[in-house]
Amino acid sequence: MGRGHVSAVKTVRQKHHPSAELLRLLDELRRMVNVCVAIGIEENISSLKSLSLKSYHRLSRDILSYYGLCAISTATGILHNHRKAKRKNSRTRIPYAKKLMLTTCYGFKIQNDLLRLPVKPRKYVYVRLNSRTVQVLSGLNVRSVTLTSNSLGITYSKETVEIKPEGYVGVDRNLDNVTI
């Protein structure tokens, strides 16, 4: 059997109770995503670069710039899905973000058992990580963080050993179609 190293990307999830400041940040991000979606529909664009050029200057100035990039990226996904759905059904409703959510790969840091997220320059909000999350993440490369109003997902990568199979076996599980 040949062996090589492969980078596996996984996510560890946990529940959390957000602070009022974190809820304000999530609400502001949802508002920014909806502004980007409206611009994308109005201008008939769905690519990340075009949406970024058209909407970046219209986003909130009192929030960190990389959260604006996260909002544009999320809106791009929503617009792409809307465009795809519209091809199948022309009467598709105009989309908007309902859920409070933040996905970012910028600015966060894990210190001991706390996740530190910047809210303003040199001002942070902290989320306590449970012991299982801290144990899973110890010594690994953290890639991104996804926060909702009640859950937290931290995506990480780790090196694993790739195992090459010596052969394959096919199994037919359709027992209703037995032929002799």
Protein backbone atom coordinates (compact mmCIF):
# COMPACT_ATOMS: atom_id res chain seq x y z
CA MET A 1 0.00 0.00 0.00
CA GLY A 2 1.29 3.45 -0.92
CA ARG A 3 1.06 6.25 1.61
CA GLY A 4 1.08 10.01 1.13
CA HIS A 5 -0.02 13.02 3.13
CA VAL A 6 -3.33 14.76 2.47
CA SER A 7 -4.72 17.88 4.09
CA ALA A 8 -8.19 17.17 5.52
CA VAL A 9 -10.52 20.08 6.29
CA LYS A 10 -12.99 19.52 9.14
CA THR A 11 -15.28 21.57 11.37
CA VAL A 12 -15.87 21.38 15.10
CA ARG A 13 -19.20 22.82 16.33
CA GLN A 14 -20.49 23.96 19.67
CA LYS A 15 -23.43 25.89 21.12
CA HIS A 16 -22.92 29.37 22.57
CA HIS A 17 -24.88 32.26 24.07
CA PRO A 18 -24.05 35.48 22.22
CA SER A 19 -23.52 38.80 23.94
CA ALA A 20 -25.55 41.86 22.94
CA GLU A 21 -22.49 43.25 21.13
CA LEU A 22 -22.07 40.04 19.12
CA LEU A 23 -25.78 40.07 18.19
CA ARG A 24 -25.39 43.68 16.98
CA LEU A 25 -22.44 42.63 14.82
CA LEU A 26 -24.39 39.69 13.35
CA ASP A 27 -27.41 41.92 12.67
CA GLU A 28 -25.22 44.54 10.95
CA LEU A 29 -23.66 41.82 8.79
CA ARG A 30 -27.11 40.52 7.79
CA ARG A 31 -28.08 44.08 6.83
CA MET A 32 -24.89 44.42 4.76
CA VAL A 33 -25.54 41.09 3.00
CA ASN A 34 -29.06 42.25 2.11
CA VAL A 35 -27.69 45.55 0.74
CA CYS A 36 -25.26 43.56 -1.45
CA VAL A 37 -28.03 41.21 -2.63
CA ALA A 38 -30.23 44.20 -3.56
CA ILE A 39 -27.35 45.79 -5.50
CA GLY A 40 -26.64 42.49 -7.26
CA ILE A 41 -30.26 42.09 -8.35
CA GLU A 42 -30.58 45.76 -9.33
CA GLU A 43 -27.36 45.69 -11.40
CA ASN A 44 -27.89 42.07 -12.60
CA ILE A 45 -24.50 40.88 -11.35
CA SER A 46 -23.53 37.77 -9.42
CA SER A 47 -19.75 37.56 -9.67
CA LEU A 48 -17.67 38.31 -6.60
CA LYS A 49 -15.48 40.91 -8.31
CA SER A 50 -18.34 42.82 -9.94
CA LEU A 51 -20.40 42.81 -6.76
CA SER A 52 -17.39 43.94 -4.75
CA LEU A 53 -16.73 46.86 -7.09
CA LYS A 54 -20.39 47.97 -7.08
CA SER A 55 -21.23 47.51 -3.40
CA TYR A 56 -18.10 47.91 -1.27
CA HIS A 57 -18.34 51.71 -1.05
CA ARG A 58 -22.04 51.50 -0.05
CA LEU A 59 -21.46 49.29 2.98
CA SER A 60 -21.30 50.48 6.58
CA ARG A 61 -18.18 52.50 7.41
CA ASP A 62 -18.29 51.82 11.15
CA ILE A 63 -17.63 48.10 10.79
CA LEU A 64 -14.26 46.49 10.03
CA SER A 65 -13.51 46.24 6.30
CA TYR A 66 -12.98 42.48 6.23
CA TYR A 67 -16.53 41.97 7.50
CA GLY A 68 -17.65 43.89 4.41
CA LEU A 69 -15.73 41.38 2.29
CA CYS A 70 -17.46 38.54 4.16
CA ALA A 71 -20.87 40.14 3.48
CA ILE A 72 -20.07 40.49 -0.23
CA SER A 73 -18.93 36.86 -0.40
CA THR A 74 -22.11 35.64 1.31
CA ALA A 75 -24.27 37.78 -0.98
CA THR A 76 -22.45 36.35 -4.02
CA GLY A 77 -23.47 32.84 -2.94
CA ILE A 78 -27.09 33.94 -2.45
CA LEU A 79 -27.15 35.64 -5.86
CA HIS A 80 -25.60 32.62 -7.56
CA ASN A 81 -28.26 30.32 -6.06
CA HIS A 82 -31.00 32.79 -7.03
CA ARG A 83 -29.78 32.95 -10.61
CA LYS A 84 -29.70 29.14 -10.79
CA ALA A 85 -33.23 28.85 -9.33
CA LYS A 86 -34.51 31.53 -11.72
CA ARG A 87 -33.42 29.45 -14.71
CA LYS A 88 -35.71 26.65 -13.52
CA ASN A 89 -38.60 28.87 -12.37
CA SER A 90 -38.90 32.45 -13.64
CA ARG A 91 -41.28 33.39 -10.79
CA THR A 92 -38.62 32.85 -8.11
CA ARG A 93 -38.90 35.34 -5.24
CA ILE A 94 -36.21 37.93 -4.58
CA PRO A 95 -33.78 36.47 -2.02
CA TYR A 96 -32.61 38.01 1.22
CA ALA A 97 -30.61 36.91 4.24
CA LYS A 98 -32.83 35.99 7.19
CA LYS A 99 -30.42 34.23 9.49
CA LEU A 100 -27.91 36.02 11.70
CA MET A 101 -24.60 34.63 10.49
CA LEU A 102 -20.93 35.50 10.16
CA THR A 103 -18.34 33.44 8.33
CA THR A 104 -14.85 34.87 8.38
CA CYS A 105 -11.26 33.83 7.94
CA TYR A 106 -9.94 37.25 8.99
CA GLY A 107 -9.06 38.81 12.33
CA PHE A 108 -10.07 36.10 14.78
CA LYS A 109 -7.71 34.50 17.27
CA ILE A 110 -7.97 31.60 19.70
CA GLN A 111 -6.39 32.38 23.07
CA ASN A 112 -6.54 29.59 25.67
CA ASP A 113 -10.25 28.70 25.80
CA LEU A 114 -11.55 31.93 24.21
CA LEU A 115 -12.30 32.87 20.63
CA ARG A 116 -11.45 36.54 20.11
CA LEU A 117 -13.33 38.39 17.36
CA PRO A 118 -12.67 42.06 16.55
CA VAL A 119 -15.70 44.35 16.60
CA LYS A 120 -13.92 47.67 16.11
CA PRO A 121 -10.21 48.50 15.88
CA ARG A 122 -8.60 47.19 19.10
CA LYS A 123 -12.02 46.28 20.52
CA TYR A 124 -12.97 42.61 20.76
CA VAL A 125 -15.80 40.31 21.70
CA TYR A 126 -14.98 36.94 23.25
CA VAL A 127 -16.73 33.57 22.95
CA ARG A 128 -15.82 30.86 25.45
CA LEU A 129 -14.88 27.55 23.83
CA ASN A 130 -15.91 24.32 25.53
CA SER A 131 -13.31 21.73 26.54
CA ARG A 132 -14.08 19.42 23.61
CA THR A 133 -13.54 22.22 21.07
CA VAL A 134 -10.25 23.25 22.72
CA GLN A 135 -9.11 19.61 22.75
CA VAL A 136 -9.95 19.09 19.05
CA LEU A 137 -8.23 22.32 17.96
CA SER A 138 -5.02 21.92 19.97
CA GLY A 139 -2.03 21.95 17.63
CA LEU A 140 -4.12 22.29 14.45
CA ASN A 141 -4.33 24.95 11.76
CA VAL A 142 -7.58 26.96 12.23
CA ARG A 143 -8.95 28.20 8.89
CA SER A 144 -12.26 30.01 9.49
CA VAL A 145 -15.05 30.69 11.97
CA THR A 146 -18.81 30.55 11.39
CA LEU A 147 -21.04 32.16 14.01
CA THR A 148 -24.82 32.10 14.19
CA SER A 149 -27.06 33.36 16.96
CA ASN A 150 -26.72 30.08 18.88
CA SER A 151 -23.88 28.03 17.40
CA LEU A 152 -20.22 28.33 16.55
CA GLY A 153 -18.31 26.32 13.95
CA ILE A 154 -14.54 26.43 13.65
CA THR A 155 -13.03 24.98 10.49
CA TYR A 156 -9.54 23.54 10.75
CA SER A 157 -7.14 21.57 8.59
CA LYS A 158 -4.94 18.68 9.57
CA GLU A 159 -2.53 16.42 7.79
CA THR A 160 -3.69 12.83 7.43
CA VAL A 161 -2.11 9.79 5.86
CA GLU A 162 -3.66 8.80 2.55
CA ILE A 163 -4.25 5.07 2.18
CA LYS A 164 -4.37 3.73 -1.35
CA PRO A 165 -6.76 0.77 -1.73
CA GLU A 166 -5.47 -2.47 -3.20
CA GLY A 167 -8.80 -3.13 -4.89
CA TYR A 168 -12.50 -2.29 -4.92
CA VAL A 169 -15.62 -4.30 -4.15
CA GLY A 170 -19.09 -3.48 -5.49
CA VAL A 171 -22.12 -4.17 -3.33
CA ASP A 172 -25.67 -4.18 -4.72
CA ARG A 173 -28.07 -3.25 -1.93
CA ASN A 174 -31.19 -3.34 -4.12
CA LEU A 175 -32.69 -6.57 -2.77
CA ASP A 176 -35.91 -6.15 -4.78
CA ASN A 177 -34.03 -6.69 -8.04
CA VAL A 178 -32.58 -10.15 -7.56
CA THR A 179 -31.89 -11.95 -10.83
CA ILE A 180 -30.78 -15.54 -11.14
